Amino acid sequence: METDYAIVGNTITMRMDYMDKLIEKVAMMAADAAVEKYKEEKMRDEKLGTKQASEILGVSKVTLIRYITNGKKVGGKTIKLKATKTGRDYIISRLDLEKFKEQLKTK
């Protein structure tokens, strides 16, 4: 059985079908990374009010505001939810909310 590649000195030769599979795999990895980056950018642009954010986290609006102002102790470390104050309300990007939600899970 022939191997997929051969090394001679500092030169590597590959069978054509092996090279095609390798290029396809690299292209798929790049496409997956691009999709994740796109999703992250969309979440960064999506802004939520305190009511929507508290519903997503499953907490009251008062608790959410406490997470923004005082933070929440998780594993001996205090984490705060990033938000921008607009009048009497706060605006939170969905990306920051999702990151905060993940940090809450790591207790």
PDB file of N, CA and C in Angstrom:
ATOM      1  N   MET A   1       0.845  -1.182   0.000  1.00  0.00           N
ATOM      2  CA  MET A   1       0.000   0.000   0.000  1.00  0.00           C
ATOM      3  C   MET A   1       0.888   1.242   0.000  1.00  0.00           C
ATOM      4  N   GLU A   2       0.555   2.165  -0.847  1.00  0.00           N
ATOM      5  CA  GLU A   2       1.320   3.399  -0.980  1.00  0.00           C
ATOM      6  C   GLU A   2       0.936   4.375   0.131  1.00  0.00           C
ATOM      7  N   THR A   3       1.925   5.074   0.689  1.00  0.00           N
ATOM      8  CA  THR A   3       1.638   6.055   1.737  1.00  0.00           C
ATOM      9  C   THR A   3       1.086   7.330   1.112  1.00  0.00           C
ATOM     10  N   ASP A   4       0.451   8.155   1.945  1.00  0.00           N
ATOM     11  CA  ASP A   4      -0.148   9.402   1.461  1.00  0.00           C
ATOM     12  C   ASP A   4       0.880  10.464   1.133  1.00  0.00           C
ATOM     13  N   TYR A   5       2.048  10.385   1.779  1.00  0.00           N
ATOM     14  CA  TYR A   5       3.083  11.373   1.523  1.00  0.00           C
ATOM     15  C   TYR A   5       4.458  10.744   1.733  1.00  0.00           C
ATOM     16  N   ALA A   6       5.469  11.425   1.192  1.00  0.00           N
ATOM     17  CA  ALA A   6       6.841  10.963   1.356  1.00  0.00           C
ATOM     18  C   ALA A   6       7.721  12.160   1.681  1.00  0.00           C
ATOM     19  N   ILE A   7       8.697  11.949   2.534  1.00  0.00           N
ATOM     20  CA  ILE A   7       9.629  13.011   2.910  1.00  0.00           C
ATOM     21  C   ILE A   7      11.010  12.626   2.392  1.00  0.00           C
ATOM     22  N   VAL A   8      11.564  13.517   1.582  1.00  0.00           N
ATOM     23  CA  VAL A   8      12.908  13.311   1.052  1.00  0.00           C
ATOM     24  C   VAL A   8      13.693  14.583   1.360  1.00  0.00           C
ATOM     25  N   GLY A   9      14.619  14.487   2.313  1.00  0.00           N
ATOM     26  CA  GLY A   9      15.366  15.680   2.731  1.00  0.00           C
ATOM     27  C   GLY A   9      14.421  16.688   3.355  1.00  0.00           C
ATOM     28  N   ASN A  10      14.384  17.893   2.794  1.00  0.00           N
ATOM     29  CA  ASN A  10      13.460  18.907   3.312  1.00  0.00           C
ATOM     30  C   ASN A  10      12.265  19.114   2.367  1.00  0.00           C
ATOM     31  N   THR A  11      11.983  18.127   1.545  1.00  0.00           N
ATOM     32  CA  THR A  11      10.867  18.194   0.595  1.00  0.00           C
ATOM     33  C   THR A  11       9.822  17.138   0.954  1.00  0.00           C
ATOM     34  N   ILE A  12       8.568  17.563   0.952  1.00  0.00           N
ATOM     35  CA  ILE A  12       7.467  16.638   1.203  1.00  0.00           C
ATOM     36  C   ILE A  12       6.651  16.529  -0.070  1.00  0.00           C
ATOM     37  N   THR A  13       6.425  15.314  -0.522  1.00  0.00           N
ATOM     38  CA  THR A  13       5.556  15.086  -1.669  1.00  0.00           C
ATOM     39  C   THR A  13       4.311  14.356  -1.179  1.00  0.00           C
ATOM     40  N   MET A  14       3.146  14.765  -1.717  1.00  0.00           N
ATOM     41  CA  MET A  14       1.879  14.166  -1.293  1.00  0.00           C
ATOM     42  C   MET A  14       1.138  13.632  -2.508  1.00  0.00           C
ATOM     43  N   ARG A  15       0.376  12.594  -2.272  1.00  0.00           N
ATOM     44  CA  ARG A  15      -0.524  12.107  -3.319  1.00  0.00           C
ATOM     45  C   ARG A  15      -1.595  13.172  -3.551  1.00  0.00           C
ATOM     46  N   MET A  16      -2.078  13.277  -4.784  1.00  0.00           N
ATOM     47  CA  MET A  16      -3.029  14.322  -5.144  1.00  0.00           C
ATOM     48  C   MET A  16      -4.327  14.222  -4.347  1.00  0.00           C
ATOM     49  N   ASP A  17      -4.890  13.034  -4.158  1.00  0.00           N
ATOM     50  CA  ASP A  17      -6.143  12.915  -3.409  1.00  0.00           C
ATOM     51  C   ASP A  17      -5.935  13.271  -1.940  1.00  0.00           C
ATOM     52  N   TYR A  18      -4.759  12.980  -1.404  1.00  0.00           N
ATOM     53  CA  TYR A  18      -4.450  13.362  -0.020  1.00  0.00           C
ATOM     54  C   TYR A  18      -4.383  14.878   0.085  1.00  0.00           C
ATOM     55  N   MET A  19      -3.770  15.529  -0.887  1.00  0.00           N
ATOM     56  CA  MET A  19      -3.668  16.986  -0.907  1.00  0.00           C
ATOM     57  C   MET A  19      -5.059  17.610  -1.018  1.00  0.00           C
ATOM     58  N   ASP A  20      -5.903  17.041  -1.861  1.00  0.00           N
ATOM     59  CA  ASP A  20      -7.271  17.552  -2.010  1.00  0.00           C
ATOM     60  C   ASP A  20      -8.031  17.482  -0.691  1.00  0.00           C
ATOM     61  N   LYS A  21      -7.899  16.374   0.022  1.00  0.00           N
ATOM     62  CA  LYS A  21      -8.562  16.218   1.317  1.00  0.00           C
ATOM     63  C   LYS A  21      -8.037  17.238   2.317  1.00  0.00           C
ATOM     64  N   LEU A  22      -6.725  17.458   2.295  1.00  0.00           N
ATOM     65  CA  LEU A  22      -6.107  18.419   3.210  1.00  0.00           C
ATOM     66  C   LEU A  22      -6.610  19.831   2.933  1.00  0.00           C
ATOM     67  N   ILE A  23      -6.655  20.213   1.668  1.00  0.00           N
ATOM     68  CA  ILE A  23      -7.142  21.553   1.295  1.00  0.00           C
ATOM     69  C   ILE A  23      -8.610  21.710   1.660  1.00  0.00           C
ATOM     70  N   GLU A  24      -9.396  20.671   1.444  1.00  0.00           N
ATOM     71  CA  GLU A  24     -10.817  20.717   1.798  1.00  0.00           C
ATOM     72  C   GLU A  24     -10.997  20.900   3.303  1.00  0.00           C
ATOM     73  N   LYS A  25     -10.198  20.193   4.086  1.00  0.00           N
ATOM     74  CA  LYS A  25     -10.290  20.293   5.542  1.00  0.00           C
ATOM     75  C   LYS A  25      -9.917  21.694   6.022  1.00  0.00           C
ATOM     76  N   VAL A  26      -8.845  22.264   5.453  1.00  0.00           N
ATOM     77  CA  VAL A  26      -8.419  23.622   5.819  1.00  0.00           C
ATOM     78  C   VAL A  26      -9.492  24.636   5.425  1.00  0.00           C
ATOM     79  N   ALA A  27     -10.090  24.475   4.245  1.00  0.00           N
ATOM     80  CA  ALA A  27     -11.151  25.380   3.797  1.00  0.00           C
ATOM     81  C   ALA A  27     -12.359  25.313   4.728  1.00  0.00           C
ATOM     82  N   MET A  28     -12.722  24.115   5.192  1.00  0.00           N
ATOM     83  CA  MET A  28     -13.855  23.960   6.109  1.00  0.00           C
ATOM     84  C   MET A  28     -13.566  24.630   7.448  1.00  0.00           C
ATOM     85  N   MET A  29     -12.332  24.493   7.942  1.00  0.00           N
ATOM     86  CA  MET A  29     -11.957  25.135   9.200  1.00  0.00           C
ATOM     87  C   MET A  29     -12.031  26.654   9.064  1.00  0.00           C
ATOM     88  N   ALA A  30     -11.558  27.187   7.936  1.00  0.00           N
ATOM     89  CA  ALA A  30     -11.607  28.631   7.704  1.00  0.00           C
ATOM     90  C   ALA A  30     -13.053  29.113   7.597  1.00  0.00           C
ATOM     91  N   ALA A  31     -13.902  28.345   6.937  1.00  0.00           N
ATOM     92  CA  ALA A  31     -15.311  28.715   6.806  1.00  0.00           C
ATOM     93  C   ALA A  31     -16.001  28.714   8.168  1.00  0.00           C
ATOM     94  N   ASP A  32     -15.718  27.709   8.995  1.00  0.00           N
ATOM     95  CA  ASP A  32     -16.311  27.660  10.336  1.00  0.00           C
ATOM     96  C   ASP A  32     -15.873  28.856  11.173  1.00  0.00           C
ATOM     97  N   ALA A  33     -14.594  29.223  11.073  1.00  0.00           N
ATOM     98  CA  ALA A  33     -14.086  30.377  11.819  1.00  0.00           C
ATOM     99  C   ALA A  33     -14.756  31.661  11.343  1.00  0.00           C
ATOM    100  N   ALA A  34     -14.970  31.786  10.036  1.00  0.00           N
ATOM    101  CA  ALA A  34     -15.629  32.978   9.490  1.00  0.00           C
ATOM    102  C   ALA A  34     -17.075  33.077   9.965  1.00  0.00           C
ATOM    103  N   VAL A  35     -17.776  31.950  10.022  1.00  0.00           N
ATOM    104  CA  VAL A  35     -19.162  31.944  10.491  1.00  0.00           C
ATOM    105  C   VAL A  35     -19.224  32.362  11.962  1.00  0.00           C
ATOM    106  N   GLU A  36     -18.317  31.842  12.791  1.00  0.00           N
ATOM    107  CA  GLU A  36     -18.291  32.212  14.213  1.00  0.00           C
ATOM    108  C   GLU A  36     -18.015  33.701  14.384  1.00  0.00           C
ATOM    109  N   LYS A  37     -17.092  34.244  13.595  1.00  0.00           N
ATOM    110  CA  LYS A  37     -16.769  35.666  13.664  1.00  0.00           C
ATOM    111  C   LYS A  37     -17.977  36.499  13.266  1.00  0.00           C
ATOM    112  N   TYR A  38     -18.696  36.073  12.231  1.00  0.00           N
ATOM    113  CA  TYR A  38     -19.892  36.777  11.788  1.00  0.00           C
ATOM    114  C   TYR A  38     -20.958  36.782  12.878  1.00  0.00           C
ATOM    115  N   LYS A  39     -21.167  35.619  13.514  1.00  0.00           N
ATOM    116  CA  LYS A  39     -22.154  35.533  14.600  1.00  0.00           C
ATOM    117  C   LYS A  39     -21.782  36.458  15.747  1.00  0.00           C
ATOM    118  N   GLU A  40     -20.482  36.501  16.074  1.00  0.00           N
ATOM    119  CA  GLU A  40     -20.012  37.360  17.159  1.00  0.00           C
ATOM    120  C   GLU A  40     -20.267  38.834  16.832  1.00  0.00           C
ATOM    121  N   GLU A  41     -20.000  39.230  15.594  1.00  0.00           N
ATOM    122  CA  GLU A  41     -20.234  40.617  15.181  1.00  0.00           C
ATOM    123  C   GLU A  41     -21.718  40.967  15.237  1.00  0.00           C
ATOM    124  N   LYS A  42     -22.580  40.045  14.814  1.00  0.00           N
ATOM    125  CA  LYS A  42     -24.027  40.291  14.873  1.00  0.00           C
ATOM    126  C   LYS A  42     -24.491  40.444  16.319  1.00  0.00           C
ATOM    127  N   MET A  43     -23.951  39.607  17.228  1.00  0.00           N
ATOM    128  CA  MET A  43     -24.338  39.706  18.634  1.00  0.00           C
ATOM    129  C   MET A  43     -23.821  41.006  19.245  1.00  0.00           C
ATOM    130  N   ARG A  44     -22.636  41.456  18.828  1.00  0.00           N
ATOM    131  CA  ARG A  44     -22.081  42.706  19.352  1.00  0.00           C
ATOM    132  C   ARG A  44     -22.970  43.881  18.948  1.00  0.00           C
ATOM    133  N   ASP A  45     -23.520  43.826  17.733  1.00  0.00           N
ATOM    134  CA  ASP A  45     -24.357  44.912  17.229  1.00  0.00           C
ATOM    135  C   ASP A  45     -25.769  44.889  17.815  1.00  0.00           C
ATOM    136  N   GLU A  46     -26.229  43.727  18.283  1.00  0.00           N
ATOM    137  CA  GLU A  46     -27.584  43.617  18.837  1.00  0.00           C
ATOM    138  C   GLU A  46     -27.603  44.162  20.265  1.00  0.00           C
ATOM    139  N   LYS A  47     -28.441  45.148  20.495  1.00  0.00           N
ATOM    140  CA  LYS A  47     -28.534  45.791  21.811  1.00  0.00           C
ATOM    141  C   LYS A  47     -29.842  45.387  22.491  1.00  0.00           C
ATOM    142  N   LEU A  48     -29.756  45.128  23.795  1.00  0.00           N
ATOM    143  CA  LEU A  48     -30.927  44.707  24.574  1.00  0.00           C
ATOM    144  C   LEU A  48     -31.144  45.674  25.724  1.00  0.00           C
ATOM    145  N   GLY A  49     -32.402  45.840  26.123  1.00  0.00           N
ATOM    146  CA  GLY A  49     -32.731  46.593  27.318  1.00  0.00           C
ATOM    147  C   GLY A  49     -32.658  45.677  28.535  1.00  0.00           C
ATOM    148  N   THR A  50     -32.829  46.248  29.713  1.00  0.00           N
ATOM    149  CA  THR A  50     -32.721  45.443  30.931  1.00  0.00           C
ATOM    150  C   THR A  50     -33.821  44.395  31.016  1.00  0.00           C
ATOM    151  N   LYS A  51     -35.012  44.721  30.524  1.00  0.00           N
ATOM    152  CA  LYS A  51     -36.115  43.756  30.585  1.00  0.00           C
ATOM    153  C   LYS A  51     -35.795  42.517  29.746  1.00  0.00           C
ATOM    154  N   GLN A  52     -35.341  42.743  28.509  1.00  0.00           N
ATOM    155  CA  GLN A  52     -35.007  41.614  27.635  1.00  0.00           C
ATOM    156  C   GLN A  52     -33.853  40.806  28.203  1.00  0.00           C
ATOM    157  N   ALA A  53     -32.829  41.497  28.684  1.00  0.00           N
ATOM    158  CA  ALA A  53     -31.650  40.814  29.219  1.00  0.00           C
ATOM    159  C   ALA A  53     -31.996  39.992  30.457  1.00  0.00           C
ATOM    160  N   SER A  54     -32.854  40.544  31.326  1.00  0.00           N
ATOM    161  CA  SER A  54     -33.219  39.803  32.535  1.00  0.00           C
ATOM    162  C   SER A  54     -34.024  38.556  32.185  1.00  0.00           C
ATOM    163  N   GLU A  55     -34.852  38.636  31.136  1.00  0.00           N
ATOM    164  CA  GLU A  55     -35.611  37.459  30.697  1.00  0.00           C
ATOM    165  C   GLU A  55     -34.679  36.375  30.156  1.00  0.00           C
ATOM    166  N   ILE A  56     -33.662  36.784  29.426  1.00  0.00           N
ATOM    167  CA  ILE A  56     -32.700  35.824  28.865  1.00  0.00           C
ATOM    168  C   ILE A  56     -31.934  35.118  29.978  1.00  0.00           C
ATOM    169  N   LEU A  57     -31.517  35.885  30.996  1.00  0.00           N
ATOM    170  CA  LEU A  57     -30.781  35.287  32.119  1.00  0.00           C
ATOM    171  C   LEU A  57     -31.695  34.555  33.095  1.00  0.00           C
ATOM    172  N   GLY A  58     -32.990  34.856  33.043  1.00  0.00           N
ATOM    173  CA  GLY A  58     -33.932  34.217  33.961  1.00  0.00           C
ATOM    174  C   GLY A  58     -33.875  34.807  35.360  1.00  0.00           C
ATOM    175  N   VAL A  59     -33.584  36.111  35.448  1.00  0.00           N
ATOM    176  CA  VAL A  59     -33.533  36.810  36.734  1.00  0.00           C
ATOM    177  C   VAL A  59     -34.429  38.037  36.660  1.00  0.00           C
ATOM    178  N   SER A  60     -34.677  38.653  37.810  1.00  0.00           N
ATOM    179  CA  SER A  60     -35.486  39.866  37.816  1.00  0.00           C
ATOM    180  C   SER A  60     -34.661  41.049  37.304  1.00  0.00           C
ATOM    181  N   LYS A  61     -35.353  42.117  36.961  1.00  0.00           N
ATOM    182  CA  LYS A  61     -34.684  43.324  36.474  1.00  0.00           C
ATOM    183  C   LYS A  61     -33.783  43.901  37.566  1.00  0.00           C
ATOM    184  N   VAL A  62     -34.212  43.826  38.807  1.00  0.00           N
ATOM    185  CA  VAL A  62     -33.426  44.339  39.940  1.00  0.00           C
ATOM    186  C   VAL A  62     -32.118  43.546  40.069  1.00  0.00           C
ATOM    187  N   THR A  63     -32.205  42.221  39.942  1.00  0.00           N
ATOM    188  CA  THR A  63     -31.006  41.377  40.018  1.00  0.00           C
ATOM    189  C   THR A  63     -30.060  41.701  38.870  1.00  0.00           C
ATOM    190  N   LEU A  64     -30.596  41.902  37.677  1.00  0.00           N
ATOM    191  CA  LEU A  64     -29.762  42.242  36.529  1.00  0.00           C
ATOM    192  C   LEU A  64     -29.018  43.558  36.769  1.00  0.00           C
ATOM    193  N   ILE A  65     -29.713  44.551  37.291  1.00  0.00           N
ATOM    194  CA  ILE A  65     -29.066  45.836  37.574  1.00  0.00           C
ATOM    195  C   ILE A  65     -27.990  45.662  38.642  1.00  0.00           C
ATOM    196  N   ARG A  66     -28.209  44.770  39.593  1.00  0.00           N
ATOM    197  CA  ARG A  66     -27.189  44.477  40.604  1.00  0.00           C
ATOM    198  C   ARG A  66     -25.961  43.834  39.957  1.00  0.00           C
ATOM    199  N   TYR A  67     -26.183  42.946  38.978  1.00  0.00           N
ATOM    200  CA  TYR A  67     -25.065  42.343  38.243  1.00  0.00           C
ATOM    201  C   TYR A  67     -24.245  43.425  37.524  1.00  0.00           C
ATOM    202  N   ILE A  68     -24.926  44.462  37.034  1.00  0.00           N
ATOM    203  CA  ILE A  68     -24.252  45.542  36.315  1.00  0.00           C
ATOM    204  C   ILE A  68     -23.482  46.432  37.284  1.00  0.00           C
ATOM    205  N   THR A  69     -24.117  46.813  38.373  1.00  0.00           N
ATOM    206  CA  THR A  69     -23.488  47.774  39.285  1.00  0.00           C
ATOM    207  C   THR A  69     -22.517  47.136  40.270  1.00  0.00           C
ATOM    208  N   ASN A  70     -22.903  46.031  40.903  1.00  0.00           N
ATOM    209  CA  ASN A  70     -22.069  45.409  41.939  1.00  0.00           C
ATOM    210  C   ASN A  70     -21.346  44.159  41.467  1.00  0.00           C
ATOM    211  N   GLY A  71     -21.877  43.513  40.459  1.00  0.00           N
ATOM    212  CA  GLY A  71     -21.294  42.265  39.981  1.00  0.00           C
ATOM    213  C   GLY A  71     -21.862  41.062  40.703  1.00  0.00           C
ATOM    214  N   LYS A  72     -21.329  39.905  40.367  1.00  0.00           N
ATOM    215  CA  LYS A  72     -21.754  38.635  40.971  1.00  0.00           C
ATOM    216  C   LYS A  72     -20.499  37.854  41.293  1.00  0.00           C
ATOM    217  N   LYS A  73     -20.454  37.296  42.492  1.00  0.00           N
ATOM    218  CA  LYS A  73     -19.298  36.520  42.927  1.00  0.00           C
ATOM    219  C   LYS A  73     -19.408  35.098  42.364  1.00  0.00           C
ATOM    220  N   VAL A  74     -18.399  34.714  41.597  1.00  0.00           N
ATOM    221  CA  VAL A  74     -18.368  33.384  40.996  1.00  0.00           C
ATOM    222  C   VAL A  74     -16.982  32.811  41.244  1.00  0.00           C
ATOM    223  N   GLY A  75     -16.942  31.735  42.003  1.00  0.00           N
ATOM    224  CA  GLY A  75     -15.671  31.075  42.268  1.00  0.00           C
ATOM    225  C   GLY A  75     -14.632  31.967  42.923  1.00  0.00           C
ATOM    226  N   GLY A  76     -15.038  32.806  43.851  1.00  0.00           N
ATOM    227  CA  GLY A  76     -14.106  33.686  44.552  1.00  0.00           C
ATOM    228  C   GLY A  76     -13.727  34.931  43.769  1.00  0.00           C
ATOM    229  N   LYS A  77     -14.312  35.120  42.600  1.00  0.00           N
ATOM    230  CA  LYS A  77     -14.008  36.270  41.758  1.00  0.00           C
ATOM    231  C   LYS A  77     -15.313  36.990  41.434  1.00  0.00           C
ATOM    232  N   THR A  78     -15.301  38.320  41.480  1.00  0.00           N
ATOM    233  CA  THR A  78     -16.494  39.091  41.163  1.00  0.00           C
ATOM    234  C   THR A  78     -16.481  39.463  39.687  1.00  0.00           C
ATOM    235  N   ILE A  79     -17.556  39.093  38.991  1.00  0.00           N
ATOM    236  CA  ILE A  79     -17.688  39.450  37.576  1.00  0.00           C
ATOM    237  C   ILE A  79     -18.836  40.439  37.430  1.00  0.00           C
ATOM    238  N   LYS A  80     -18.674  41.394  36.523  1.00  0.00           N
ATOM    239  CA  LYS A  80     -19.721  42.385  36.263  1.00  0.00           C
ATOM    240  C   LYS A  80     -20.214  42.250  34.831  1.00  0.00           C
ATOM    241  N   LEU A  81     -21.486  42.543  34.680  1.00  0.00           N
ATOM    242  CA  LEU A  81     -22.089  42.565  33.354  1.00  0.00           C
ATOM    243  C   LEU A  81     -21.837  43.934  32.745  1.00  0.00           C
ATOM    244  N   LYS A  82     -21.237  43.978  31.566  1.00  0.00           N
ATOM    245  CA  LYS A  82     -20.966  45.251  30.890  1.00  0.00           C
ATOM    246  C   LYS A  82     -22.263  45.810  30.343  1.00  0.00           C
ATOM    247  N   ALA A  83     -22.487  47.105  30.589  1.00  0.00           N
ATOM    248  CA  ALA A  83     -23.694  47.763  30.105  1.00  0.00           C
ATOM    249  C   ALA A  83     -23.444  49.266  30.006  1.00  0.00           C
ATOM    250  N   THR A  84     -24.282  49.942  29.213  1.00  0.00           N
ATOM    251  CA  THR A  84     -24.204  51.388  29.052  1.00  0.00           C
ATOM    252  C   THR A  84     -25.477  51.994  29.606  1.00  0.00           C
ATOM    253  N   LYS A  85     -25.319  52.981  30.480  1.00  0.00           N
ATOM    254  CA  LYS A  85     -26.485  53.629  31.087  1.00  0.00           C
ATOM    255  C   LYS A  85     -27.070  54.630  30.106  1.00  0.00           C
ATOM    256  N   THR A  86     -28.370  54.533  29.872  1.00  0.00           N
ATOM    257  CA  THR A  86     -29.093  55.473  29.011  1.00  0.00           C
ATOM    258  C   THR A  86     -30.318  55.950  29.769  1.00  0.00           C
ATOM    259  N   GLY A  87     -30.231  57.097  30.387  1.00  0.00           N
ATOM    260  CA  GLY A  87     -31.349  57.596  31.189  1.00  0.00           C
ATOM    261  C   GLY A  87     -31.557  56.725  32.406  1.00  0.00           C
ATOM    262  N   ARG A  88     -32.741  56.138  32.522  1.00  0.00           N
ATOM    263  CA  ARG A  88     -33.048  55.261  33.660  1.00  0.00           C
ATOM    264  C   ARG A  88     -32.788  53.786  33.362  1.00  0.00           C
ATOM    265  N   ASP A  89     -32.434  53.501  32.147  1.00  0.00           N
ATOM    266  CA  ASP A  89     -32.269  52.107  31.731  1.00  0.00           C
ATOM    267  C   ASP A  89     -30.816  51.848  31.336  1.00  0.00           C
ATOM    268  N   TYR A  90     -30.503  50.598  31.103  1.00  0.00           N
ATOM    269  CA  TYR A  90     -29.191  50.185  30.630  1.00  0.00           C
ATOM    270  C   TYR A  90     -29.352  49.495  29.285  1.00  0.00           C
ATOM    271  N   ILE A  91     -28.342  49.631  28.450  1.00  0.00           N
ATOM    272  CA  ILE A  91     -28.294  48.925  27.172  1.00  0.00           C
ATOM    273  C   ILE A  91     -27.150  47.918  27.267  1.00  0.00           C
ATOM    274  N   ILE A  92     -27.445  46.677  26.887  1.00  0.00           N
ATOM    275  CA  ILE A  92     -26.470  45.590  26.992  1.00  0.00           C
ATOM    276  C   ILE A  92     -26.343  44.946  25.614  1.00  0.00           C
ATOM    277  N   SER A  93     -25.122  44.729  25.166  1.00  0.00           N
ATOM    278  CA  SER A  93     -24.962  44.018  23.887  1.00  0.00           C
ATOM    279  C   SER A  93     -25.178  42.527  24.152  1.00  0.00           C
ATOM    280  N   ARG A  94     -25.756  41.850  23.165  1.00  0.00           N
ATOM    281  CA  ARG A  94     -26.032  40.425  23.331  1.00  0.00           C
ATOM    282  C   ARG A  94     -24.727  39.648  23.538  1.00  0.00           C
ATOM    283  N   LEU A  95     -23.647  40.080  22.902  1.00  0.00           N
ATOM    284  CA  LEU A  95     -22.361  39.404  23.056  1.00  0.00           C
ATOM    285  C   LEU A  95     -21.894  39.473  24.514  1.00  0.00           C
ATOM    286  N   ASP A  96     -21.982  40.658  25.134  1.00  0.00           N
ATOM    287  CA  ASP A  96     -21.582  40.786  26.538  1.00  0.00           C
ATOM    288  C   ASP A  96     -22.485  39.956  27.446  1.00  0.00           C
ATOM    289  N   LEU A  97     -23.772  39.914  27.112  1.00  0.00           N
ATOM    290  CA  LEU A  97     -24.706  39.114  27.909  1.00  0.00           C
ATOM    291  C   LEU A  97     -24.367  37.625  27.816  1.00  0.00           C
ATOM    292  N   GLU A  98     -24.063  37.150  26.616  1.00  0.00           N
ATOM    293  CA  GLU A  98     -23.719  35.732  26.440  1.00  0.00           C
ATOM    294  C   GLU A  98     -22.412  35.390  27.157  1.00  0.00           C
ATOM    295  N   LYS A  99     -21.438  36.286  27.095  1.00  0.00           N
ATOM    296  CA  LYS A  99     -20.176  36.052  27.809  1.00  0.00           C
ATOM    297  C   LYS A  99     -20.420  35.988  29.314  1.00  0.00           C
ATOM    298  N   PHE A 100     -21.246  36.899  29.842  1.00  0.00           N
ATOM    299  CA  PHE A 100     -21.569  36.915  31.260  1.00  0.00           C
ATOM    300  C   PHE A 100     -22.293  35.629  31.654  1.00  0.00           C
ATOM    301  N   LYS A 101     -23.210  35.193  30.799  1.00  0.00           N
ATOM    302  CA  LYS A 101     -23.970  33.965  31.050  1.00  0.00           C
ATOM    303  C   LYS A 101     -23.030  32.759  31.142  1.00  0.00           C
ATOM    304  N   GLU A 102     -22.035  32.696  30.248  1.00  0.00           N
ATOM    305  CA  GLU A 102     -21.052  31.606  30.283  1.00  0.00           C
ATOM    306  C   GLU A 102     -20.219  31.663  31.567  1.00  0.00           C
ATOM    307  N   GLN A 103     -19.852  32.868  32.007  1.00  0.00           N
ATOM    308  CA  GLN A 103     -19.074  32.999  33.236  1.00  0.00           C
ATOM    309  C   GLN A 103     -19.890  32.568  34.444  1.00  0.00           C
ATOM    310  N   LEU A 104     -21.192  32.790  34.425  1.00  0.00           N
ATOM    311  CA  LEU A 104     -22.049  32.348  35.534  1.00  0.00           C
ATOM    312  C   LEU A 104     -22.074  30.821  35.637  1.00  0.00           C
ATOM    313  N   LYS A 105     -21.987  30.148  34.492  1.00  0.00           N
ATOM    314  CA  LYS A 105     -22.044  28.680  34.477  1.00  0.00           C
ATOM    315  C   LYS A 105     -20.764  28.049  35.060  1.00  0.00           C
ATOM    316  N   THR A 106     -19.655  28.755  35.024  1.00  0.00           N
ATOM    317  CA  THR A 106     -18.386  28.208  35.485  1.00  0.00           C
ATOM    318  C   THR A 106     -18.210  28.474  36.979  1.00  0.00           C
ATOM    319  N   LYS A 107     -19.060  27.876  37.779  1.00  0.00           N
ATOM    320  CA  LYS A 107     -18.996  28.064  39.242  1.00  0.00           C
ATOM    321  C   LYS A 107     -18.053  27.085  39.859  1.00  0.00           C
TER     322      LYS A 107
END
